[in-house]
Amino acid sequence: MAYPLGTVFGIPHGAANALIFPHVLAANAAAAPEKTKAICEALGLDDSSEAALLDSAIVYCRSLGLPMQLSEHGVTEDALGRMAQQAHAIRRLLDYNPRDLSVAEIEAIYRAAL
């Protein structure tokens, strides 16, 4: 999901991954509980609920000095659907995601990060 942020809006790949990381971590938590727990322990994140996990991951990334709203990087709402389609088409990466995400679910993740 980071690639379209880079190709459409020129966001550096590492920053794009950090921007989307909290949302993807929370979205995948139920599908990969052991991996999620390990990540949360390593980063000191609250995994008591999906909402707490999302919030604590965003706070963690902000503590590193990262603006965590896609809109702060020039991403516009009208691009979300197109980017979701592009991200969904990158099967070599998405096929290894713990959950099978639809285009609509990817767009919802982008929208939440906007």
PDB file of N, CA and C in Angstrom:
ATOM      1  N   MET A   1       0.810  -1.197   0.000  1.00  0.00           N
ATOM      2  CA  MET A   1       0.000   0.000   0.000  1.00  0.00           C
ATOM      3  C   MET A   1       0.852   1.259   0.000  1.00  0.00           C
ATOM      4  N   ALA A   2       2.134   1.130   0.260  1.00  0.00           N
ATOM      5  CA  ALA A   2       3.024   2.288   0.262  1.00  0.00           C
ATOM      6  C   ALA A   2       3.405   2.721  -1.155  1.00  0.00           C
ATOM      7  N   TYR A   3       3.489   1.779  -2.080  1.00  0.00           N
ATOM      8  CA  TYR A   3       3.938   2.126  -3.426  1.00  0.00           C
ATOM      9  C   TYR A   3       3.103   3.227  -4.085  1.00  0.00           C
ATOM     10  N   PRO A   4       1.783   3.154  -4.080  1.00  0.00           N
ATOM     11  CA  PRO A   4       1.021   4.236  -4.708  1.00  0.00           C
ATOM     12  C   PRO A   4       1.241   5.601  -4.045  1.00  0.00           C
ATOM     13  N   LEU A   5       1.511   5.605  -2.761  1.00  0.00           N
ATOM     14  CA  LEU A   5       1.801   6.882  -2.098  1.00  0.00           C
ATOM     15  C   LEU A   5       3.066   7.512  -2.676  1.00  0.00           C
ATOM     16  N   GLY A   6       4.015   6.657  -3.029  1.00  0.00           N
ATOM     17  CA  GLY A   6       5.239   7.151  -3.646  1.00  0.00           C
ATOM     18  C   GLY A   6       5.064   7.514  -5.101  1.00  0.00           C
ATOM     19  N   THR A   7       4.412   6.643  -5.864  1.00  0.00           N
ATOM     20  CA  THR A   7       4.308   6.892  -7.298  1.00  0.00           C
ATOM     21  C   THR A   7       3.342   8.019  -7.625  1.00  0.00           C
ATOM     22  N   VAL A   8       2.278   8.169  -6.860  1.00  0.00           N
ATOM     23  CA  VAL A   8       1.292   9.209  -7.153  1.00  0.00           C
ATOM     24  C   VAL A   8       1.658  10.534  -6.502  1.00  0.00           C
ATOM     25  N   PHE A   9       2.182  10.492  -5.253  1.00  0.00           N
ATOM     26  CA  PHE A   9       2.428  11.728  -4.518  1.00  0.00           C
ATOM     27  C   PHE A   9       3.889  11.987  -4.169  1.00  0.00           C
ATOM     28  N   GLY A  10       4.774  11.101  -4.596  1.00  0.00           N
ATOM     29  CA  GLY A  10       6.201  11.327  -4.377  1.00  0.00           C
ATOM     30  C   GLY A  10       6.650  11.186  -2.938  1.00  0.00           C
ATOM     31  N   ILE A  11       5.875  10.504  -2.116  1.00  0.00           N
ATOM     32  CA  ILE A  11       6.266  10.297  -0.728  1.00  0.00           C
ATOM     33  C   ILE A  11       7.362   9.240  -0.691  1.00  0.00           C
ATOM     34  N   PRO A  12       8.488   9.521  -0.033  1.00  0.00           N
ATOM     35  CA  PRO A  12       9.554   8.522   0.049  1.00  0.00           C
ATOM     36  C   PRO A  12       9.027   7.211   0.629  1.00  0.00           C
ATOM     37  N   HIS A  13       9.560   6.101   0.137  1.00  0.00           N
ATOM     38  CA  HIS A  13       9.028   4.784   0.470  1.00  0.00           C
ATOM     39  C   HIS A  13       9.005   4.515   1.981  1.00  0.00           C
ATOM     40  N   GLY A  14      10.064   4.856   2.685  1.00  0.00           N
ATOM     41  CA  GLY A  14      10.099   4.628   4.139  1.00  0.00           C
ATOM     42  C   GLY A  14       9.026   5.425   4.855  1.00  0.00           C
ATOM     43  N   ALA A  15       8.853   6.676   4.468  1.00  0.00           N
ATOM     44  CA  ALA A  15       7.811   7.514   5.077  1.00  0.00           C
ATOM     45  C   ALA A  15       6.428   6.970   4.735  1.00  0.00           C
ATOM     46  N   ALA A  16       6.240   6.518   3.500  1.00  0.00           N
ATOM     47  CA  ALA A  16       4.952   5.954   3.091  1.00  0.00           C
ATOM     48  C   ALA A  16       4.620   4.712   3.918  1.00  0.00           C
ATOM     49  N   ASN A  17       5.607   3.874   4.163  1.00  0.00           N
ATOM     50  CA  ASN A  17       5.386   2.698   5.001  1.00  0.00           C
ATOM     51  C   ASN A  17       5.025   3.097   6.425  1.00  0.00           C
ATOM     52  N   ALA A  18       5.702   4.085   6.962  1.00  0.00           N
ATOM     53  CA  ALA A  18       5.400   4.540   8.322  1.00  0.00           C
ATOM     54  C   ALA A  18       3.999   5.135   8.401  1.00  0.00           C
ATOM     55  N   LEU A  19       3.593   5.869   7.379  1.00  0.00           N
ATOM     56  CA  LEU A  19       2.262   6.479   7.367  1.00  0.00           C
ATOM     57  C   LEU A  19       1.152   5.438   7.399  1.00  0.00           C
ATOM     58  N   ILE A  20       1.349   4.357   6.726  1.00  0.00           N
ATOM     59  CA  ILE A  20       0.304   3.355   6.597  1.00  0.00           C
ATOM     60  C   ILE A  20       0.444   2.245   7.647  1.00  0.00           C
ATOM     61  N   PHE A  21       1.618   2.143   8.259  1.00  0.00           N
ATOM     62  CA  PHE A  21       1.918   1.088   9.230  1.00  0.00           C
ATOM     63  C   PHE A  21       0.868   0.942  10.341  1.00  0.00           C
ATOM     64  N   PRO A  22       0.488   1.993  11.069  1.00  0.00           N
ATOM     65  CA  PRO A  22      -0.470   1.794  12.158  1.00  0.00           C
ATOM     66  C   PRO A  22      -1.795   1.206  11.687  1.00  0.00           C
ATOM     67  N   HIS A  23      -2.247   1.650  10.536  1.00  0.00           N
ATOM     68  CA  HIS A  23      -3.536   1.212  10.010  1.00  0.00           C
ATOM     69  C   HIS A  23      -3.491  -0.243   9.548  1.00  0.00           C
ATOM     70  N   VAL A  24      -2.414  -0.624   8.911  1.00  0.00           N
ATOM     71  CA  VAL A  24      -2.269  -1.999   8.440  1.00  0.00           C
ATOM     72  C   VAL A  24      -2.037  -2.935   9.629  1.00  0.00           C
ATOM     73  N   LEU A  25      -1.251  -2.505  10.602  1.00  0.00           N
ATOM     74  CA  LEU A  25      -1.024  -3.316  11.798  1.00  0.00           C
ATOM     75  C   LEU A  25      -2.348  -3.610  12.493  1.00  0.00           C
ATOM     76  N   ALA A  26      -3.157  -2.578  12.684  1.00  0.00           N
ATOM     77  CA  ALA A  26      -4.451  -2.768  13.348  1.00  0.00           C
ATOM     78  C   ALA A  26      -5.391  -3.632  12.506  1.00  0.00           C
ATOM     79  N   ALA A  27      -5.400  -3.415  11.203  1.00  0.00           N
ATOM     80  CA  ALA A  27      -6.287  -4.186  10.322  1.00  0.00           C
ATOM     81  C   ALA A  27      -5.926  -5.668  10.286  1.00  0.00           C
ATOM     82  N   ASN A  28      -4.648  -5.974  10.460  1.00  0.00           N
ATOM     83  CA  ASN A  28      -4.179  -7.361  10.389  1.00  0.00           C
ATOM     84  C   ASN A  28      -4.071  -8.036  11.750  1.00  0.00           C
ATOM     85  N   ALA A  29      -4.314  -7.315  12.825  1.00  0.00           N
ATOM     86  CA  ALA A  29      -4.064  -7.842  14.174  1.00  0.00           C
ATOM     87  C   ALA A  29      -4.787  -9.157  14.440  1.00  0.00           C
ATOM     88  N   ALA A  30      -6.045  -9.234  14.106  1.00  0.00           N
ATOM     89  CA  ALA A  30      -6.811 -10.456  14.385  1.00  0.00           C
ATOM     90  C   ALA A  30      -6.346 -11.632  13.525  1.00  0.00           C
ATOM     91  N   ALA A  31      -5.828 -11.346  12.346  1.00  0.00           N
ATOM     92  CA  ALA A  31      -5.382 -12.409  11.443  1.00  0.00           C
ATOM     93  C   ALA A  31      -3.983 -12.915  11.781  1.00  0.00           C
ATOM     94  N   ALA A  32      -3.212 -12.122  12.507  1.00  0.00           N
ATOM     95  CA  ALA A  32      -1.842 -12.510  12.861  1.00  0.00           C
ATOM     96  C   ALA A  32      -1.554 -12.091  14.305  1.00  0.00           C
ATOM     97  N   PRO A  33      -2.252 -12.692  15.273  1.00  0.00           N
ATOM     98  CA  PRO A  33      -2.122 -12.233  16.660  1.00  0.00           C
ATOM     99  C   PRO A  33      -0.720 -12.401  17.256  1.00  0.00           C
ATOM    100  N   GLU A  34      -0.028 -13.481  16.919  1.00  0.00           N
ATOM    101  CA  GLU A  34       1.305 -13.694  17.495  1.00  0.00           C
ATOM    102  C   GLU A  34       2.300 -12.652  16.973  1.00  0.00           C
ATOM    103  N   LYS A  35       2.255 -12.405  15.672  1.00  0.00           N
ATOM    104  CA  LYS A  35       3.150 -11.401  15.088  1.00  0.00           C
ATOM    105  C   LYS A  35       2.814 -10.011  15.609  1.00  0.00           C
ATOM    106  N   THR A  36       1.518  -9.725  15.730  1.00  0.00           N
ATOM    107  CA  THR A  36       1.096  -8.423  16.241  1.00  0.00           C
ATOM    108  C   THR A  36       1.591  -8.235  17.669  1.00  0.00           C
ATOM    109  N   LYS A  37       1.453  -9.264  18.506  1.00  0.00           N
ATOM    110  CA  LYS A  37       1.906  -9.193  19.891  1.00  0.00           C
ATOM    111  C   LYS A  37       3.407  -8.925  19.955  1.00  0.00           C
ATOM    112  N   ALA A  38       4.177  -9.596  19.111  1.00  0.00           N
ATOM    113  CA  ALA A  38       5.629  -9.402  19.096  1.00  0.00           C
ATOM    114  C   ALA A  38       5.981  -7.965  18.705  1.00  0.00           C
ATOM    115  N   ILE A  39       5.291  -7.440  17.704  1.00  0.00           N
ATOM    116  CA  ILE A  39       5.538  -6.062  17.275  1.00  0.00           C
ATOM    117  C   ILE A  39       5.180  -5.097  18.400  1.00  0.00           C
ATOM    118  N   CYS A  40       4.039  -5.328  19.031  1.00  0.00           N
ATOM    119  CA  CYS A  40       3.590  -4.448  20.113  1.00  0.00           C
ATOM    120  C   CYS A  40       4.553  -4.481  21.292  1.00  0.00           C
ATOM    121  N   GLU A  41       5.041  -5.646  21.628  1.00  0.00           N
ATOM    122  CA  GLU A  41       6.012  -5.751  22.719  1.00  0.00           C
ATOM    123  C   GLU A  41       7.308  -5.025  22.371  1.00  0.00           C
ATOM    124  N   ALA A  42       7.768  -5.181  21.149  1.00  0.00           N
ATOM    125  CA  ALA A  42       9.019  -4.545  20.728  1.00  0.00           C
ATOM    126  C   ALA A  42       8.918  -3.020  20.719  1.00  0.00           C
ATOM    127  N   LEU A  43       7.741  -2.504  20.352  1.00  0.00           N
ATOM    128  CA  LEU A  43       7.573  -1.048  20.227  1.00  0.00           C
ATOM    129  C   LEU A  43       6.857  -0.424  21.413  1.00  0.00           C
ATOM    130  N   GLY A  44       6.408  -1.231  22.345  1.00  0.00           N
ATOM    131  CA  GLY A  44       5.694  -0.719  23.509  1.00  0.00           C
ATOM    132  C   GLY A  44       4.300  -0.213  23.174  1.00  0.00           C
ATOM    133  N   LEU A  45       3.616  -0.890  22.254  1.00  0.00           N
ATOM    134  CA  LEU A  45       2.285  -0.469  21.825  1.00  0.00           C
ATOM    135  C   LEU A  45       1.206  -1.169  22.636  1.00  0.00           C
ATOM    136  N   ASP A  46       0.079  -0.500  22.778  1.00  0.00           N
ATOM    137  CA  ASP A  46      -1.093  -1.030  23.485  1.00  0.00           C
ATOM    138  C   ASP A  46      -1.903  -1.876  22.512  1.00  0.00           C
ATOM    139  N   ASP A  47      -1.984  -3.174  22.770  1.00  0.00           N
ATOM    140  CA  ASP A  47      -2.741  -4.049  21.878  1.00  0.00           C
ATOM    141  C   ASP A  47      -4.013  -4.578  22.541  1.00  0.00           C
ATOM    142  N   SER A  48      -4.562  -3.816  23.490  1.00  0.00           N
ATOM    143  CA  SER A  48      -5.748  -4.268  24.213  1.00  0.00           C
ATOM    144  C   SER A  48      -7.002  -4.271  23.335  1.00  0.00           C
ATOM    145  N   SER A  49      -6.986  -3.507  22.251  1.00  0.00           N
ATOM    146  CA  SER A  49      -8.076  -3.493  21.278  1.00  0.00           C
ATOM    147  C   SER A  49      -7.518  -2.970  19.964  1.00  0.00           C
ATOM    148  N   GLU A  50      -8.278  -3.157  18.883  1.00  0.00           N
ATOM    149  CA  GLU A  50      -7.827  -2.650  17.586  1.00  0.00           C
ATOM    150  C   GLU A  50      -7.680  -1.131  17.622  1.00  0.00           C
ATOM    151  N   ALA A  51      -8.626  -0.449  18.276  1.00  0.00           N
ATOM    152  CA  ALA A  51      -8.569   1.014  18.368  1.00  0.00           C
ATOM    153  C   ALA A  51      -7.360   1.473  19.181  1.00  0.00           C
ATOM    154  N   ALA A  52      -7.104   0.796  20.312  1.00  0.00           N
ATOM    155  CA  ALA A  52      -5.949   1.156  21.144  1.00  0.00           C
ATOM    156  C   ALA A  52      -4.648   0.911  20.395  1.00  0.00           C
ATOM    157  N   LEU A  53      -4.602  -0.190  19.662  1.00  0.00           N
ATOM    158  CA  LEU A  53      -3.412  -0.506  18.873  1.00  0.00           C
ATOM    159  C   LEU A  53      -3.166   0.564  17.816  1.00  0.00           C
ATOM    160  N   LEU A  54      -4.206   0.924  17.096  1.00  0.00           N
ATOM    161  CA  LEU A  54      -4.085   1.964  16.072  1.00  0.00           C
ATOM    162  C   LEU A  54      -3.606   3.265  16.690  1.00  0.00           C
ATOM    163  N   ASP A  55      -4.256   3.694  17.758  1.00  0.00           N
ATOM    164  CA  ASP A  55      -3.883   4.959  18.401  1.00  0.00           C
ATOM    165  C   ASP A  55      -2.452   4.942  18.911  1.00  0.00           C
ATOM    166  N   SER A  56      -2.058   3.852  19.572  1.00  0.00           N
ATOM    167  CA  SER A  56      -0.699   3.818  20.127  1.00  0.00           C
ATOM    168  C   SER A  56       0.358   3.736  19.028  1.00  0.00           C
ATOM    169  N   ALA A  57       0.051   3.078  17.925  1.00  0.00           N
ATOM    170  CA  ALA A  57       1.006   3.020  16.809  1.00  0.00           C
ATOM    171  C   ALA A  57       1.156   4.389  16.151  1.00  0.00           C
ATOM    172  N   ILE A  58       0.058   5.119  16.031  1.00  0.00           N
ATOM    173  CA  ILE A  58       0.140   6.482  15.482  1.00  0.00           C
ATOM    174  C   ILE A  58       0.959   7.371  16.410  1.00  0.00           C
ATOM    175  N   VAL A  59       0.708   7.287  17.710  1.00  0.00           N
ATOM    176  CA  VAL A  59       1.467   8.080  18.682  1.00  0.00           C
ATOM    177  C   VAL A  59       2.959   7.726  18.603  1.00  0.00           C
ATOM    178  N   TYR A  60       3.258   6.444  18.479  1.00  0.00           N
ATOM    179  CA  TYR A  60       4.647   6.008  18.367  1.00  0.00           C
ATOM    180  C   TYR A  60       5.324   6.653  17.146  1.00  0.00           C
ATOM    181  N   CYS A  61       4.672   6.567  16.000  1.00  0.00           N
ATOM    182  CA  CYS A  61       5.254   7.136  14.779  1.00  0.00           C
ATOM    183  C   CYS A  61       5.375   8.653  14.876  1.00  0.00           C
ATOM    184  N   ARG A  62       4.391   9.308  15.474  1.00  0.00           N
ATOM    185  CA  ARG A  62       4.494  10.764  15.675  1.00  0.00           C
ATOM    186  C   ARG A  62       5.663  11.110  16.588  1.00  0.00           C
ATOM    187  N   SER A  63       5.938  10.248  17.570  1.00  0.00           N
ATOM    188  CA  SER A  63       7.052  10.513  18.496  1.00  0.00           C
ATOM    189  C   SER A  63       8.391  10.511  17.776  1.00  0.00           C
ATOM    190  N   LEU A  64       8.416   9.917  16.579  1.00  0.00           N
ATOM    191  CA  LEU A  64       9.626   9.905  15.756  1.00  0.00           C
ATOM    192  C   LEU A  64       9.720  11.144  14.871  1.00  0.00           C
ATOM    193  N   GLY A  65       8.718  12.029  15.006  1.00  0.00           N
ATOM    194  CA  GLY A  65       8.712  13.263  14.227  1.00  0.00           C
ATOM    195  C   GLY A  65       8.020  13.151  12.879  1.00  0.00           C
ATOM    196  N   LEU A  66       7.227  12.097  12.688  1.00  0.00           N
ATOM    197  CA  LEU A  66       6.560  11.901  11.406  1.00  0.00           C
ATOM    198  C   LEU A  66       5.154  12.496  11.418  1.00  0.00           C
ATOM    199  N   PRO A  67       4.847  13.366  10.469  1.00  0.00           N
ATOM    200  CA  PRO A  67       3.451  13.800  10.314  1.00  0.00           C
ATOM    201  C   PRO A  67       2.648  12.594   9.828  1.00  0.00           C
ATOM    202  N   MET A  68       1.629  12.211  10.561  1.00  0.00           N
ATOM    203  CA  MET A  68       0.978  10.930  10.317  1.00  0.00           C
ATOM    204  C   MET A  68      -0.337  10.990   9.554  1.00  0.00           C
ATOM    205  N   GLN A  69      -0.699  12.114   9.012  1.00  0.00           N
ATOM    206  CA  GLN A  69      -1.895  12.209   8.177  1.00  0.00           C
ATOM    207  C   GLN A  69      -1.438  12.233   6.726  1.00  0.00           C
ATOM    208  N   LEU A  70      -2.060  11.428   5.884  1.00  0.00           N
ATOM    209  CA  LEU A  70      -1.699  11.441   4.467  1.00  0.00           C
ATOM    210  C   LEU A  70      -1.878  12.832   3.878  1.00  0.00           C
ATOM    211  N   SER A  71      -2.893  13.546   4.348  1.00  0.00           N
ATOM    212  CA  SER A  71      -3.146  14.900   3.832  1.00  0.00           C
ATOM    213  C   SER A  71      -1.987  15.845   4.121  1.00  0.00           C
ATOM    214  N   GLU A  72      -1.234  15.585   5.173  1.00  0.00           N
ATOM    215  CA  GLU A  72      -0.064  16.412   5.495  1.00  0.00           C
ATOM    216  C   GLU A  72       1.058  16.213   4.475  1.00  0.00           C
ATOM    217  N   HIS A  73       0.910  15.208   3.646  1.00  0.00           N
ATOM    218  CA  HIS A  73       1.899  14.904   2.609  1.00  0.00           C
ATOM    219  C   HIS A  73       1.345  15.163   1.214  1.00  0.00           C
ATOM    220  N   GLY A  74       0.227  15.871   1.162  1.00  0.00           N
ATOM    221  CA  GLY A  74      -0.347  16.242  -0.124  1.00  0.00           C
ATOM    222  C   GLY A  74      -1.323  15.255  -0.727  1.00  0.00           C
ATOM    223  N   VAL A  75      -1.624  14.159  -0.021  1.00  0.00           N
ATOM    224  CA  VAL A  75      -2.561  13.167  -0.545  1.00  0.00           C
ATOM    225  C   VAL A  75      -3.967  13.756  -0.501  1.00  0.00           C
ATOM    226  N   THR A  76      -4.678  13.583  -1.593  1.00  0.00           N
ATOM    227  CA  THR A  76      -6.030  14.132  -1.703  1.00  0.00           C
ATOM    228  C   THR A  76      -7.064  13.013  -1.726  1.00  0.00           C
ATOM    229  N   GLU A  77      -8.244  13.332  -1.248  1.00  0.00           N
ATOM    230  CA  GLU A  77      -9.310  12.339  -1.157  1.00  0.00           C
ATOM    231  C   GLU A  77      -9.682  11.755  -2.518  1.00  0.00           C
ATOM    232  N   ASP A  78      -9.625  12.578  -3.542  1.00  0.00           N
ATOM    233  CA  ASP A  78     -10.017  12.092  -4.867  1.00  0.00           C
ATOM    234  C   ASP A  78      -9.060  11.037  -5.432  1.00  0.00           C
ATOM    235  N   ALA A  79      -7.891  10.886  -4.851  1.00  0.00           N
ATOM    236  CA  ALA A  79      -6.914   9.902  -5.329  1.00  0.00           C
ATOM    237  C   ALA A  79      -7.030   8.554  -4.617  1.00  0.00           C
ATOM    238  N   LEU A  80      -7.802   8.481  -3.553  1.00  0.00           N
ATOM    239  CA  LEU A  80      -7.804   7.275  -2.724  1.00  0.00           C
ATOM    240  C   LEU A  80      -8.283   6.035  -3.467  1.00  0.00           C
ATOM    241  N   GLY A  81      -9.360   6.146  -4.235  1.00  0.00           N
ATOM    242  CA  GLY A  81      -9.875   4.996  -4.971  1.00  0.00           C
ATOM    243  C   GLY A  81      -8.886   4.476  -5.986  1.00  0.00           C
ATOM    244  N   ARG A  82      -8.267   5.380  -6.712  1.00  0.00           N
ATOM    245  CA  ARG A  82      -7.275   4.988  -7.725  1.00  0.00           C
ATOM    246  C   ARG A  82      -6.063   4.324  -7.061  1.00  0.00           C
ATOM    247  N   MET A  83      -5.605   4.907  -5.950  1.00  0.00           N
ATOM    248  CA  MET A  83      -4.465   4.311  -5.245  1.00  0.00           C
ATOM    249  C   MET A  83      -4.819   2.940  -4.680  1.00  0.00           C
ATOM    250  N   ALA A  84      -6.048   2.771  -4.191  1.00  0.00           N
ATOM    251  CA  ALA A  84      -6.476   1.479  -3.655  1.00  0.00           C
ATOM    252  C   ALA A  84      -6.457   0.419  -4.760  1.00  0.00           C
ATOM    253  N   GLN A  85      -6.906   0.791  -5.948  1.00  0.00           N
ATOM    254  CA  GLN A  85      -6.869  -0.146  -7.073  1.00  0.00           C
ATOM    255  C   GLN A  85      -5.431  -0.501  -7.431  1.00  0.00           C
ATOM    256  N   GLN A  86      -4.556   0.496  -7.433  1.00  0.00           N
ATOM    257  CA  GLN A  86      -3.146   0.242  -7.734  1.00  0.00           C
ATOM    258  C   GLN A  86      -2.523  -0.674  -6.685  1.00  0.00           C
ATOM    259  N   ALA A  87      -2.783  -0.396  -5.415  1.00  0.00           N
ATOM    260  CA  ALA A  87      -2.215  -1.205  -4.332  1.00  0.00           C
ATOM    261  C   ALA A  87      -2.735  -2.643  -4.417  1.00  0.00           C
ATOM    262  N   HIS A  88      -4.011  -2.800  -4.693  1.00  0.00           N
ATOM    263  CA  HIS A  88      -4.611  -4.133  -4.788  1.00  0.00           C
ATOM    264  C   HIS A  88      -4.017  -4.937  -5.936  1.00  0.00           C
ATOM    265  N   ALA A  89      -3.573  -4.265  -6.964  1.00  0.00           N
ATOM    266  CA  ALA A  89      -3.003  -4.937  -8.132  1.00  0.00           C
ATOM    267  C   ALA A  89      -1.571  -5.421  -7.903  1.00  0.00           C
ATOM    268  N   ILE A  90      -0.913  -4.964  -6.854  1.00  0.00           N
ATOM    269  CA  ILE A  90       0.473  -5.377  -6.582  1.00  0.00           C
ATOM    270  C   ILE A  90       0.416  -6.701  -5.817  1.00  0.00           C
ATOM    271  N   ARG A  91       0.048  -7.749  -6.515  1.00  0.00           N
ATOM    272  CA  ARG A  91      -0.205  -9.042  -5.894  1.00  0.00           C
ATOM    273  C   ARG A  91       1.047  -9.665  -5.284  1.00  0.00           C
ATOM    274  N   ARG A  92       2.217  -9.400  -5.850  1.00  0.00           N
ATOM    275  CA  ARG A  92       3.434 -10.014  -5.309  1.00  0.00           C
ATOM    276  C   ARG A  92       3.666  -9.613  -3.860  1.00  0.00           C
ATOM    277  N   LEU A  93       3.067  -8.508  -3.435  1.00  0.00           N
ATOM    278  CA  LEU A  93       3.159  -8.084  -2.041  1.00  0.00           C
ATOM    279  C   LEU A  93       1.884  -8.406  -1.270  1.00  0.00           C
ATOM    280  N   LEU A  94       0.766  -8.065  -1.827  1.00  0.00           N
ATOM    281  CA  LEU A  94      -0.504  -8.212  -1.126  1.00  0.00           C
ATOM    282  C   LEU A  94      -0.864  -9.674  -0.861  1.00  0.00           C
ATOM    283  N   ASP A  95      -0.401 -10.575  -1.710  1.00  0.00           N
ATOM    284  CA  ASP A  95      -0.686 -11.991  -1.496  1.00  0.00           C
ATOM    285  C   ASP A  95      -0.039 -12.528  -0.220  1.00  0.00           C
ATOM    286  N   TYR A  96       0.928 -11.826   0.330  1.00  0.00           N
ATOM    287  CA  TYR A  96       1.588 -12.259   1.562  1.00  0.00           C
ATOM    288  C   TYR A  96       1.043 -11.546   2.789  1.00  0.00           C
ATOM    289  N   ASN A  97       0.058 -10.688   2.614  1.00  0.00           N
ATOM    290  CA  ASN A  97      -0.576 -10.028   3.745  1.00  0.00           C
ATOM    291  C   ASN A  97      -1.379 -11.066   4.530  1.00  0.00           C
ATOM    292  N   PRO A  98      -1.415 -10.967   5.847  1.00  0.00           N
ATOM    293  CA  PRO A  98      -2.163 -11.948   6.637  1.00  0.00           C
ATOM    294  C   PRO A  98      -3.656 -12.018   6.304  1.00  0.00           C
ATOM    295  N   ARG A  99      -4.217 -10.935   5.805  1.00  0.00           N
ATOM    296  CA  ARG A  99      -5.629 -10.904   5.403  1.00  0.00           C
ATOM    297  C   ARG A  99      -5.715 -10.610   3.917  1.00  0.00           C
ATOM    298  N   ASP A 100      -6.735 -11.164   3.300  1.00  0.00           N
ATOM    299  CA  ASP A 100      -6.990 -10.834   1.902  1.00  0.00           C
ATOM    300  C   ASP A 100      -7.800  -9.541   1.887  1.00  0.00           C
ATOM    301  N   LEU A 101      -7.174  -8.447   1.548  1.00  0.00           N
ATOM    302  CA  LEU A 101      -7.830  -7.144   1.546  1.00  0.00           C
ATOM    303  C   LEU A 101      -8.434  -6.846   0.180  1.00  0.00           C
ATOM    304  N   SER A 102      -9.658  -6.378   0.189  1.00  0.00           N
ATOM    305  CA  SER A 102     -10.324  -5.966  -1.047  1.00  0.00           C
ATOM    306  C   SER A 102      -9.904  -4.542  -1.396  1.00  0.00           C
ATOM    307  N   VAL A 103     -10.240  -4.116  -2.587  1.00  0.00           N
ATOM    308  CA  VAL A 103      -9.987  -2.729  -2.992  1.00  0.00           C
ATOM    309  C   VAL A 103     -10.694  -1.785  -2.023  1.00  0.00           C
ATOM    310  N   ALA A 104     -11.931  -2.102  -1.667  1.00  0.00           N
ATOM    311  CA  ALA A 104     -12.698  -1.251  -0.749  1.00  0.00           C
ATOM    312  C   ALA A 104     -12.039  -1.175   0.625  1.00  0.00           C
ATOM    313  N   GLU A 105     -11.495  -2.285   1.111  1.00  0.00           N
ATOM    314  CA  GLU A 105     -10.819  -2.273   2.419  1.00  0.00           C
ATOM    315  C   GLU A 105      -9.529  -1.460   2.364  1.00  0.00           C
ATOM    316  N   ILE A 106      -8.813  -1.551   1.273  1.00  0.00           N
ATOM    317  CA  ILE A 106      -7.596  -0.749   1.122  1.00  0.00           C
ATOM    318  C   ILE A 106      -7.959   0.733   1.061  1.00  0.00           C
ATOM    319  N   GLU A 107      -9.001   1.055   0.309  1.00  0.00           N
ATOM    320  CA  GLU A 107      -9.432   2.459   0.254  1.00  0.00           C
ATOM    321  C   GLU A 107      -9.839   2.947   1.647  1.00  0.00           C
ATOM    322  N   ALA A 108     -10.498   2.108   2.430  1.00  0.00           N
ATOM    323  CA  ALA A 108     -10.904   2.502   3.780  1.00  0.00           C
ATOM    324  C   ALA A 108      -9.677   2.751   4.655  1.00  0.00           C
ATOM    325  N   ILE A 109      -8.625   1.972   4.481  1.00  0.00           N
ATOM    326  CA  ILE A 109      -7.393   2.196   5.234  1.00  0.00           C
ATOM    327  C   ILE A 109      -6.775   3.528   4.834  1.00  0.00           C
ATOM    328  N   TYR A 110      -6.695   3.783   3.534  1.00  0.00           N
ATOM    329  CA  TYR A 110      -6.185   5.082   3.082  1.00  0.00           C
ATOM    330  C   TYR A 110      -7.031   6.223   3.647  1.00  0.00           C
ATOM    331  N   ARG A 111      -8.338   6.059   3.608  1.00  0.00           N
ATOM    332  CA  ARG A 111      -9.266   7.102   4.075  1.00  0.00           C
ATOM    333  C   ARG A 111      -9.051   7.375   5.564  1.00  0.00           C
ATOM    334  N   ALA A 112      -8.860   6.316   6.346  1.00  0.00           N
ATOM    335  CA  ALA A 112      -8.610   6.468   7.785  1.00  0.00           C
ATOM    336  C   ALA A 112      -7.296   7.198   8.059  1.00  0.00           C
ATOM    337  N   ALA A 113      -6.341   7.019   7.153  1.00  0.00           N
ATOM    338  CA  ALA A 113      -5.026   7.662   7.302  1.00  0.00           C
ATOM    339  C   ALA A 113      -4.981   9.081   6.743  1.00  0.00           C
ATOM    340  N   LEU A 114      -6.034   9.450   6.030  1.00  0.00           N
ATOM    341  CA  LEU A 114      -6.048  10.760   5.366  1.00  0.00           C
ATOM    342  C   LEU A 114      -5.985  11.885   6.384  1.00  0.00           C
TER     343      LEU A 114
END
